Amino acid sequence: MSKYQGRELLTPEERERLTRMPTDISEWDLGASFTLTPHDLEIVNQHRRDHNRLGFAVQLCVLRFTGWPLSEVKIVPLPFSNT
């Protein structure tokens, strides 16, 4: 390890706030953000096997919506998990 330590760009609180999915998203925004385009479906179908297509599609939508991979999103609000 270098003697120069990197400085974190975000505090833990800032990072948590940025990786949190909103709880007050409208149904329209939910549909607009989590509907796959024909191109998205083509990528999912061409490059993924049957057993992980859904997971890949969810990862794609969460990354597009939040800018963070699903592994960084700590809480998925009810509107997202019931749809």
C-alpha atoms as a PDB file:
ATOM      1  CA  MET A   1       0.000   0.000   0.000  1.00  0.00           C
ATOM      2  CA  SER A   2       1.213   3.470  -0.866  1.00  0.00           C
ATOM      3  CA  LYS A   3       2.141   5.919   1.844  1.00  0.00           C
ATOM      4  CA  TYR A   4      -0.377   8.264   0.225  1.00  0.00           C
ATOM      5  CA  GLN A   5      -3.851   7.262   1.223  1.00  0.00           C
ATOM      6  CA  GLY A   6      -6.720   8.137  -1.086  1.00  0.00           C
ATOM      7  CA  ARG A   7      -9.385  10.455   0.226  1.00  0.00           C
ATOM      8  CA  GLU A   8     -12.976   9.313   0.038  1.00  0.00           C
ATOM      9  CA  LEU A   9     -15.014  11.597  -2.188  1.00  0.00           C
ATOM     10  CA  LEU A  10     -18.242  10.957  -0.284  1.00  0.00           C
ATOM     11  CA  THR A  11     -18.954  10.631   3.389  1.00  0.00           C
ATOM     12  CA  PRO A  12     -20.773   7.438   4.385  1.00  0.00           C
ATOM     13  CA  GLU A  13     -23.967   9.487   4.843  1.00  0.00           C
ATOM     14  CA  GLU A  14     -23.680  11.053   1.376  1.00  0.00           C
ATOM     15  CA  ARG A  15     -23.020   7.692  -0.231  1.00  0.00           C
ATOM     16  CA  GLU A  16     -26.017   6.140   1.549  1.00  0.00           C
ATOM     17  CA  ARG A  17     -28.263   8.991   0.417  1.00  0.00           C
ATOM     18  CA  LEU A  18     -27.081   8.708  -3.200  1.00  0.00           C
ATOM     19  CA  THR A  19     -27.489   4.930  -3.349  1.00  0.00           C
ATOM     20  CA  ARG A  20     -30.951   4.919  -1.793  1.00  0.00           C
ATOM     21  CA  MET A  21     -33.829   4.406  -4.193  1.00  0.00           C
ATOM     22  CA  PRO A  22     -36.653   6.920  -3.681  1.00  0.00           C
ATOM     23  CA  THR A  23     -39.762   5.760  -1.872  1.00  0.00           C
ATOM     24  CA  ASP A  24     -42.046   8.346  -3.454  1.00  0.00           C
ATOM     25  CA  ILE A  25     -41.666   7.502  -7.150  1.00  0.00           C
ATOM     26  CA  SER A  26     -44.823   7.824  -9.214  1.00  0.00           C
ATOM     27  CA  GLU A  27     -46.266   4.890 -11.111  1.00  0.00           C
ATOM     28  CA  TRP A  28     -45.512   6.698 -14.369  1.00  0.00           C
ATOM     29  CA  ASP A  29     -41.846   7.261 -13.428  1.00  0.00           C
ATOM     30  CA  LEU A  30     -41.577   3.674 -12.281  1.00  0.00           C
ATOM     31  CA  GLY A  31     -42.879   2.418 -15.616  1.00  0.00           C
ATOM     32  CA  ALA A  32     -40.744   4.831 -17.621  1.00  0.00           C
ATOM     33  CA  SER A  33     -37.579   3.915 -15.753  1.00  0.00           C
ATOM     34  CA  PHE A  34     -38.112   0.173 -15.521  1.00  0.00           C
ATOM     35  CA  THR A  35     -39.524  -0.658 -18.945  1.00  0.00           C
ATOM     36  CA  LEU A  36     -37.017  -2.319 -21.239  1.00  0.00           C
ATOM     37  CA  THR A  37     -36.632  -0.959 -24.750  1.00  0.00           C
ATOM     38  CA  PRO A  38     -36.489  -3.297 -27.738  1.00  0.00           C
ATOM     39  CA  HIS A  39     -32.720  -2.744 -27.777  1.00  0.00           C
ATOM     40  CA  ASP A  40     -32.498  -3.648 -24.064  1.00  0.00           C
ATOM     41  CA  LEU A  41     -34.440  -6.854 -24.714  1.00  0.00           C
ATOM     42  CA  GLU A  42     -32.162  -7.709 -27.615  1.00  0.00           C
ATOM     43  CA  ILE A  43     -29.097  -7.364 -25.376  1.00  0.00           C
ATOM     44  CA  VAL A  44     -30.690  -9.380 -22.576  1.00  0.00           C
ATOM     45  CA  ASN A  45     -31.758 -12.155 -24.962  1.00  0.00           C
ATOM     46  CA  GLN A  46     -28.527 -12.308 -26.971  1.00  0.00           C
ATOM     47  CA  HIS A  47     -25.984 -12.161 -24.202  1.00  0.00           C
ATOM     48  CA  ARG A  48     -27.572 -13.928 -21.279  1.00  0.00           C
ATOM     49  CA  ARG A  49     -28.698 -17.461 -20.565  1.00  0.00           C
ATOM     50  CA  ASP A  50     -32.238 -18.349 -19.537  1.00  0.00           C
ATOM     51  CA  HIS A  51     -31.408 -18.666 -15.846  1.00  0.00           C
ATOM     52  CA  ASN A  52     -30.046 -15.142 -15.405  1.00  0.00           C
ATOM     53  CA  ARG A  53     -31.946 -12.944 -17.862  1.00  0.00           C
ATOM     54  CA  LEU A  54     -34.269 -11.510 -15.225  1.00  0.00           C
ATOM     55  CA  GLY A  55     -31.377 -10.635 -12.923  1.00  0.00           C
ATOM     56  CA  PHE A  56     -29.478  -8.966 -15.749  1.00  0.00           C
ATOM     57  CA  ALA A  57     -32.573  -6.967 -16.736  1.00  0.00           C
ATOM     58  CA  VAL A  58     -33.107  -5.811 -13.129  1.00  0.00           C
ATOM     59  CA  GLN A  59     -29.431  -4.818 -12.862  1.00  0.00           C
ATOM     60  CA  LEU A  60     -29.715  -2.854 -16.099  1.00  0.00           C
ATOM     61  CA  CYS A  61     -32.789  -0.933 -14.936  1.00  0.00           C
ATOM     62  CA  VAL A  62     -31.422  -0.186 -11.458  1.00  0.00           C
ATOM     63  CA  LEU A  63     -28.114   1.012 -12.904  1.00  0.00           C
ATOM     64  CA  ARG A  64     -29.918   3.230 -15.388  1.00  0.00           C
ATOM     65  CA  PHE A  65     -32.274   4.622 -12.723  1.00  0.00           C
ATOM     66  CA  THR A  66     -29.827   5.220  -9.875  1.00  0.00           C
ATOM     67  CA  GLY A  67     -26.441   5.324 -11.567  1.00  0.00           C
ATOM     68  CA  TRP A  68     -25.292   2.618  -9.142  1.00  0.00           C
ATOM     69  CA  PRO A  69     -25.179  -1.178  -9.492  1.00  0.00           C
ATOM     70  CA  LEU A  70     -27.743  -3.128  -7.490  1.00  0.00           C
ATOM     71  CA  SER A  71     -24.978  -4.360  -5.156  1.00  0.00           C
ATOM     72  CA  GLU A  72     -24.552  -0.742  -3.955  1.00  0.00           C
ATOM     73  CA  VAL A  73     -28.278  -0.137  -3.410  1.00  0.00           C
ATOM     74  CA  LYS A  74     -28.932  -1.125   0.185  1.00  0.00           C
ATOM     75  CA  ILE A  75     -32.716  -0.754   0.362  1.00  0.00           C
ATOM     76  CA  VAL A  76     -35.223  -1.454  -2.400  1.00  0.00           C
ATOM     77  CA  PRO A  77     -38.520   0.253  -1.510  1.00  0.00           C
ATOM     78  CA  LEU A  78     -41.844  -1.542  -1.709  1.00  0.00           C
ATOM     79  CA  PRO A  79     -43.016   0.047  -5.005  1.00  0.00           C
ATOM     80  CA  PHE A  80     -40.027  -1.546  -6.754  1.00  0.00           C
ATOM     81  CA  SER A  81     -40.383  -4.978  -5.231  1.00  0.00           C
ATOM     82  CA  ASN A  82     -44.163  -5.321  -5.750  1.00  0.00           C
ATOM     83  CA  THR A  83     -44.263  -4.432  -9.429  1.00  0.00           C
END
